[in-house]
Amino acid sequence: GELDLTLQERNRLSALITRTYTRIFQDPEMKGVPSALSYCFSPSRPRDGHYFLHRPESLPERPDCMIFLHGDGGNFLLYPWLLKQEFPDAVLLFPSWSIRWEKGSTLYLRDMIRHAERRLGKPLNRPWLMGISAGAQEGFSLYTEMEAELKGYISLGSAPPSAEAQR
């Protein structure tokens, strides 16, 4: 209802989501991966962090890495599933941050990177930062604060707060 869709559009969207999540749950790498939504929708600020980690089959000495900031609505399994197909040789980190990336924390991202390096037993190359929608909006300030630690920033569906469209 909030999307103001017709009944036909809702049915098509529902079928698409069902088909996609059926494929996600059939993927052997995704089997048993729990949802992050209980973390993202927690009524109180969780004390421990949460992130998804995709580890490629073989790890070089310093693997390439990408951090993906989810949009409004939480950290869905769709993001790791899609991006691991596009970047199978990279370590992919998907931190959860409440229902949306608002007032995100560079400390949270740095802790996650260190934790992932301990889990993998290897140092990571400087990661790319990527965000979608509300995550992309917050990503501009996070990137600005962490620019020396990151390889670059990719924004999907957002622009910096001061950006103006040129005619």
C-alpha atoms as a PDB file:
ATOM      1  CA  GLY A   1       0.000   0.000   0.000  1.00  0.00           C
ATOM      2  CA  GLU A   2       2.781   2.445   0.798  1.00  0.00           C
ATOM      3  CA  LEU A   3       4.213   2.012  -2.689  1.00  0.00           C
ATOM      4  CA  ASP A   4       0.873   3.019  -4.206  1.00  0.00           C
ATOM      5  CA  LEU A   5       0.865  -0.010  -6.507  1.00  0.00           C
ATOM      6  CA  THR A   6      -2.131  -1.417  -8.310  1.00  0.00           C
ATOM      7  CA  LEU A   7      -3.235  -4.926  -7.411  1.00  0.00           C
ATOM      8  CA  GLN A   8      -1.667  -6.217 -10.642  1.00  0.00           C
ATOM      9  CA  GLU A   9       1.639  -4.459  -9.854  1.00  0.00           C
ATOM     10  CA  ARG A  10       1.624  -5.841  -6.285  1.00  0.00           C
ATOM     11  CA  ASN A  11       1.026  -9.370  -7.576  1.00  0.00           C
ATOM     12  CA  ARG A  12       3.876  -9.054 -10.109  1.00  0.00           C
ATOM     13  CA  LEU A  13       6.233  -7.673  -7.440  1.00  0.00           C
ATOM     14  CA  SER A  14       5.256 -10.395  -4.981  1.00  0.00           C
ATOM     15  CA  ALA A  15       5.885 -13.111  -7.585  1.00  0.00           C
ATOM     16  CA  LEU A  16       9.277 -11.607  -8.458  1.00  0.00           C
ATOM     17  CA  ILE A  17      10.340 -11.450  -4.804  1.00  0.00           C
ATOM     18  CA  THR A  18       9.149 -15.011  -4.190  1.00  0.00           C
ATOM     19  CA  ARG A  19      11.015 -16.303  -7.261  1.00  0.00           C
ATOM     20  CA  THR A  20      14.204 -14.448  -6.306  1.00  0.00           C
ATOM     21  CA  TYR A  21      14.219 -15.566  -2.670  1.00  0.00           C
ATOM     22  CA  THR A  22      13.479 -19.150  -3.739  1.00  0.00           C
ATOM     23  CA  ARG A  23      16.673 -18.995  -5.837  1.00  0.00           C
ATOM     24  CA  ILE A  24      18.589 -17.481  -2.911  1.00  0.00           C
ATOM     25  CA  PHE A  25      17.494 -20.287  -0.560  1.00  0.00           C
ATOM     26  CA  GLN A  26      18.426 -22.903  -3.182  1.00  0.00           C
ATOM     27  CA  ASP A  27      21.967 -21.508  -3.482  1.00  0.00           C
ATOM     28  CA  PRO A  28      24.291 -23.856  -1.517  1.00  0.00           C
ATOM     29  CA  GLU A  29      26.376 -20.875  -0.304  1.00  0.00           C
ATOM     30  CA  MET A  30      23.272 -19.180   1.088  1.00  0.00           C
ATOM     31  CA  LYS A  31      21.810 -22.260   2.751  1.00  0.00           C
ATOM     32  CA  GLY A  32      21.403 -21.609   6.450  1.00  0.00           C
ATOM     33  CA  VAL A  33      22.363 -17.923   6.276  1.00  0.00           C
ATOM     34  CA  PRO A  34      19.986 -16.236   8.730  1.00  0.00           C
ATOM     35  CA  SER A  35      18.178 -13.005   7.991  1.00  0.00           C
ATOM     36  CA  ALA A  36      19.581  -9.765   9.419  1.00  0.00           C
ATOM     37  CA  LEU A  37      16.168  -8.160   9.692  1.00  0.00           C
ATOM     38  CA  SER A  38      15.666  -9.033  13.382  1.00  0.00           C
ATOM     39  CA  TYR A  39      18.927  -7.173  14.017  1.00  0.00           C
ATOM     40  CA  CYS A  40      17.970  -4.238  11.785  1.00  0.00           C
ATOM     41  CA  PHE A  41      14.489  -3.895  13.306  1.00  0.00           C
ATOM     42  CA  SER A  42      15.559  -4.395  16.926  1.00  0.00           C
ATOM     43  CA  PRO A  43      13.686  -1.957  19.203  1.00  0.00           C
ATOM     44  CA  SER A  44      16.916  -1.323  21.116  1.00  0.00           C
ATOM     45  CA  ARG A  45      20.414  -0.734  19.783  1.00  0.00           C
ATOM     46  CA  PRO A  46      22.065  -4.175  19.638  1.00  0.00           C
ATOM     47  CA  ARG A  47      25.313  -4.412  21.588  1.00  0.00           C
ATOM     48  CA  ASP A  48      27.106  -6.620  19.072  1.00  0.00           C
ATOM     49  CA  GLY A  49      27.583  -5.787  15.442  1.00  0.00           C
ATOM     50  CA  HIS A  50      26.268  -7.847  12.549  1.00  0.00           C
ATOM     51  CA  TYR A  51      27.521  -8.308   9.007  1.00  0.00           C
ATOM     52  CA  PHE A  52      27.406 -10.820   6.205  1.00  0.00           C
ATOM     53  CA  LEU A  53      30.752 -11.935   4.791  1.00  0.00           C
ATOM     54  CA  HIS A  54      31.256 -13.545   1.398  1.00  0.00           C
ATOM     55  CA  ARG A  55      34.547 -15.415   1.188  1.00  0.00           C
ATOM     56  CA  PRO A  56      35.764 -16.446  -2.272  1.00  0.00           C
ATOM     57  CA  GLU A  57      36.852 -20.041  -2.836  1.00  0.00           C
ATOM     58  CA  SER A  58      40.527 -19.110  -2.917  1.00  0.00           C
ATOM     59  CA  LEU A  59      42.051 -16.190  -1.088  1.00  0.00           C
ATOM     60  CA  PRO A  60      45.179 -14.444  -2.328  1.00  0.00           C
ATOM     61  CA  GLU A  61      47.563 -12.943   0.221  1.00  0.00           C
ATOM     62  CA  ARG A  62      45.691  -9.602   0.193  1.00  0.00           C
ATOM     63  CA  PRO A  63      42.190 -10.181  -1.177  1.00  0.00           C
ATOM     64  CA  ASP A  64      40.207  -7.430  -2.849  1.00  0.00           C
ATOM     65  CA  CYS A  65      37.326  -6.262  -0.703  1.00  0.00           C
ATOM     66  CA  MET A  66      34.051  -4.372  -1.015  1.00  0.00           C
ATOM     67  CA  ILE A  67      31.827  -3.028   1.764  1.00  0.00           C
ATOM     68  CA  PHE A  68      28.157  -2.655   0.854  1.00  0.00           C
ATOM     69  CA  LEU A  69      25.856  -0.316   2.816  1.00  0.00           C
ATOM     70  CA  HIS A  70      22.198  -1.388   2.676  1.00  0.00           C
ATOM     71  CA  GLY A  71      19.336   1.002   2.008  1.00  0.00           C
ATOM     72  CA  ASP A  72      16.219   1.813   3.994  1.00  0.00           C
ATOM     73  CA  GLY A  73      14.453  -1.324   5.163  1.00  0.00           C
ATOM     74  CA  GLY A  74      17.435  -3.288   6.472  1.00  0.00           C
ATOM     75  CA  ASN A  75      20.134  -5.633   5.278  1.00  0.00           C
ATOM     76  CA  PHE A  76      18.417  -8.099   2.951  1.00  0.00           C
ATOM     77  CA  LEU A  77      19.916 -11.429   1.805  1.00  0.00           C
ATOM     78  CA  LEU A  78      19.378 -10.198  -1.742  1.00  0.00           C
ATOM     79  CA  TYR A  79      22.474  -7.959  -1.588  1.00  0.00           C
ATOM     80  CA  PRO A  80      25.034 -10.671  -0.702  1.00  0.00           C
ATOM     81  CA  TRP A  81      23.450 -13.096  -3.146  1.00  0.00           C
ATOM     82  CA  LEU A  82      23.582 -10.686  -6.096  1.00  0.00           C
ATOM     83  CA  LEU A  83      27.016  -9.198  -5.409  1.00  0.00           C
ATOM     84  CA  LYS A  84      28.764 -12.521  -4.797  1.00  0.00           C
ATOM     85  CA  GLN A  85      27.730 -13.467  -8.326  1.00  0.00           C
ATOM     86  CA  GLU A  86      29.141 -10.226  -9.746  1.00  0.00           C
ATOM     87  CA  PHE A  87      32.350 -10.199  -7.662  1.00  0.00           C
ATOM     88  CA  PRO A  88      33.106 -13.889  -6.956  1.00  0.00           C
ATOM     89  CA  ASP A  89      36.820 -13.300  -6.285  1.00  0.00           C
ATOM     90  CA  ALA A  90      36.398 -10.480  -3.758  1.00  0.00           C
ATOM     91  CA  VAL A  91      35.735 -10.540  -0.039  1.00  0.00           C
ATOM     92  CA  LEU A  92      32.347  -8.858   0.360  1.00  0.00           C
ATOM     93  CA  LEU A  93      31.234  -7.289   3.636  1.00  0.00           C
ATOM     94  CA  PHE A  94      27.604  -6.320   4.260  1.00  0.00           C
ATOM     95  CA  PRO A  95      27.306  -4.541   7.614  1.00  0.00           C
ATOM     96  CA  SER A  96      23.863  -4.181   9.175  1.00  0.00           C
ATOM     97  CA  TRP A  97      23.032  -0.809  10.664  1.00  0.00           C
ATOM     98  CA  SER A  98      19.549  -0.520  12.100  1.00  0.00           C
ATOM     99  CA  ILE A  99      16.726  -0.164   9.585  1.00  0.00           C
ATOM    100  CA  ARG A 100      18.777   2.299   7.514  1.00  0.00           C
ATOM    101  CA  TRP A 101      22.269   3.754   7.350  1.00  0.00           C
ATOM    102  CA  GLU A 102      21.656   6.974   9.204  1.00  0.00           C
ATOM    103  CA  LYS A 103      24.391   8.468  11.345  1.00  0.00           C
ATOM    104  CA  GLY A 104      26.581   5.503  10.420  1.00  0.00           C
ATOM    105  CA  SER A 105      29.771   4.827  12.296  1.00  0.00           C
ATOM    106  CA  THR A 106      33.284   4.706  10.887  1.00  0.00           C
ATOM    107  CA  LEU A 107      34.303   2.869  14.082  1.00  0.00           C
ATOM    108  CA  TYR A 108      31.695   0.207  13.264  1.00  0.00           C
ATOM    109  CA  LEU A 109      33.130  -0.219   9.754  1.00  0.00           C
ATOM    110  CA  ARG A 110      36.738  -0.311  10.994  1.00  0.00           C
ATOM    111  CA  ASP A 111      35.863  -2.910  13.652  1.00  0.00           C
ATOM    112  CA  MET A 112      34.091  -5.018  11.025  1.00  0.00           C
ATOM    113  CA  ILE A 113      37.122  -4.904   8.702  1.00  0.00           C
ATOM    114  CA  ARG A 114      39.465  -5.978  11.529  1.00  0.00           C
ATOM    115  CA  HIS A 115      37.057  -8.733  12.568  1.00  0.00           C
ATOM    116  CA  ALA A 116      36.796  -9.997   8.969  1.00  0.00           C
ATOM    117  CA  GLU A 117      40.607 -10.040   8.662  1.00  0.00           C
ATOM    118  CA  ARG A 118      40.828 -12.151  11.836  1.00  0.00           C
ATOM    119  CA  ARG A 119      38.149 -14.525  10.527  1.00  0.00           C
ATOM    120  CA  LEU A 120      39.919 -14.881   7.185  1.00  0.00           C
ATOM    121  CA  GLY A 121      43.442 -14.980   8.644  1.00  0.00           C
ATOM    122  CA  LYS A 122      44.620 -12.455   6.040  1.00  0.00           C
ATOM    123  CA  PRO A 123      44.843  -8.700   5.674  1.00  0.00           C
ATOM    124  CA  LEU A 124      42.460  -7.204   3.121  1.00  0.00           C
ATOM    125  CA  ASN A 125      43.296  -4.741   0.377  1.00  0.00           C
ATOM    126  CA  ARG A 126      41.824  -1.294   0.923  1.00  0.00           C
ATOM    127  CA  PRO A 127      38.127  -1.907   0.341  1.00  0.00           C
ATOM    128  CA  TRP A 128      35.774  -0.208  -2.026  1.00  0.00           C
ATOM    129  CA  LEU A 129      32.742   1.311  -0.315  1.00  0.00           C
ATOM    130  CA  MET A 130      29.388   0.937  -2.079  1.00  0.00           C
ATOM    131  CA  GLY A 131      25.973   2.053  -0.893  1.00  0.00           C
ATOM    132  CA  ILE A 132      22.448   1.860  -2.212  1.00  0.00           C
ATOM    133  CA  SER A 133      19.690   4.419  -1.618  1.00  0.00           C
ATOM    134  CA  ALA A 134      19.794   5.561   2.049  1.00  0.00           C
ATOM    135  CA  GLY A 135      23.052   3.623   2.488  1.00  0.00           C
ATOM    136  CA  ALA A 136      24.509   5.503  -0.462  1.00  0.00           C
ATOM    137  CA  GLN A 137      23.447   8.811   1.075  1.00  0.00           C
ATOM    138  CA  GLU A 138      25.251   8.042   4.345  1.00  0.00           C
ATOM    139  CA  GLY A 139      28.137   6.569   2.377  1.00  0.00           C
ATOM    140  CA  PHE A 140      29.206  10.023   1.205  1.00  0.00           C
ATOM    141  CA  SER A 141      30.032  11.164   4.741  1.00  0.00           C
ATOM    142  CA  LEU A 142      31.522   7.810   5.755  1.00  0.00           C
ATOM    143  CA  TYR A 143      33.751   7.866   2.686  1.00  0.00           C
ATOM    144  CA  THR A 144      34.831  11.427   3.422  1.00  0.00           C
ATOM    145  CA  GLU A 145      35.897  10.373   6.941  1.00  0.00           C
ATOM    146  CA  MET A 146      37.630   7.187   5.749  1.00  0.00           C
ATOM    147  CA  GLU A 147      38.926   8.229   2.329  1.00  0.00           C
ATOM    148  CA  ALA A 148      42.562   7.315   3.094  1.00  0.00           C
ATOM    149  CA  GLU A 149      41.465   3.808   4.177  1.00  0.00           C
ATOM    150  CA  LEU A 150      39.233   3.114   1.185  1.00  0.00           C
ATOM    151  CA  LYS A 151      39.981   2.515  -2.486  1.00  0.00           C
ATOM    152  CA  GLY A 152      36.943   4.460  -3.698  1.00  0.00           C
ATOM    153  CA  TYR A 153      33.212   4.985  -3.351  1.00  0.00           C
ATOM    154  CA  ILE A 154      30.306   3.804  -5.525  1.00  0.00           C
ATOM    155  CA  SER A 155      26.872   5.327  -4.954  1.00  0.00           C
ATOM    156  CA  LEU A 156      23.761   3.587  -6.269  1.00  0.00           C
ATOM    157  CA  GLY A 157      20.627   5.697  -6.318  1.00  0.00           C
ATOM    158  CA  SER A 158      21.854   8.725  -4.390  1.00  0.00           C
ATOM    159  CA  ALA A 159      23.862  11.904  -4.778  1.00  0.00           C
ATOM    160  CA  PRO A 160      25.865  13.986  -2.313  1.00  0.00           C
ATOM    161  CA  PRO A 161      23.675  16.353  -0.251  1.00  0.00           C
ATOM    162  CA  SER A 162      25.058  19.406  -2.047  1.00  0.00           C
ATOM    163  CA  ALA A 163      24.779  17.982  -5.583  1.00  0.00           C
ATOM    164  CA  GLU A 164      22.680  19.846  -8.102  1.00  0.00           C
ATOM    165  CA  ALA A 165      21.569  18.521 -11.459  1.00  0.00           C
ATOM    166  CA  GLN A 166      23.004  20.400 -14.405  1.00  0.00           C
ATOM    167  CA  ARG A 167      20.752  21.229 -17.343  1.00  0.00           C
END
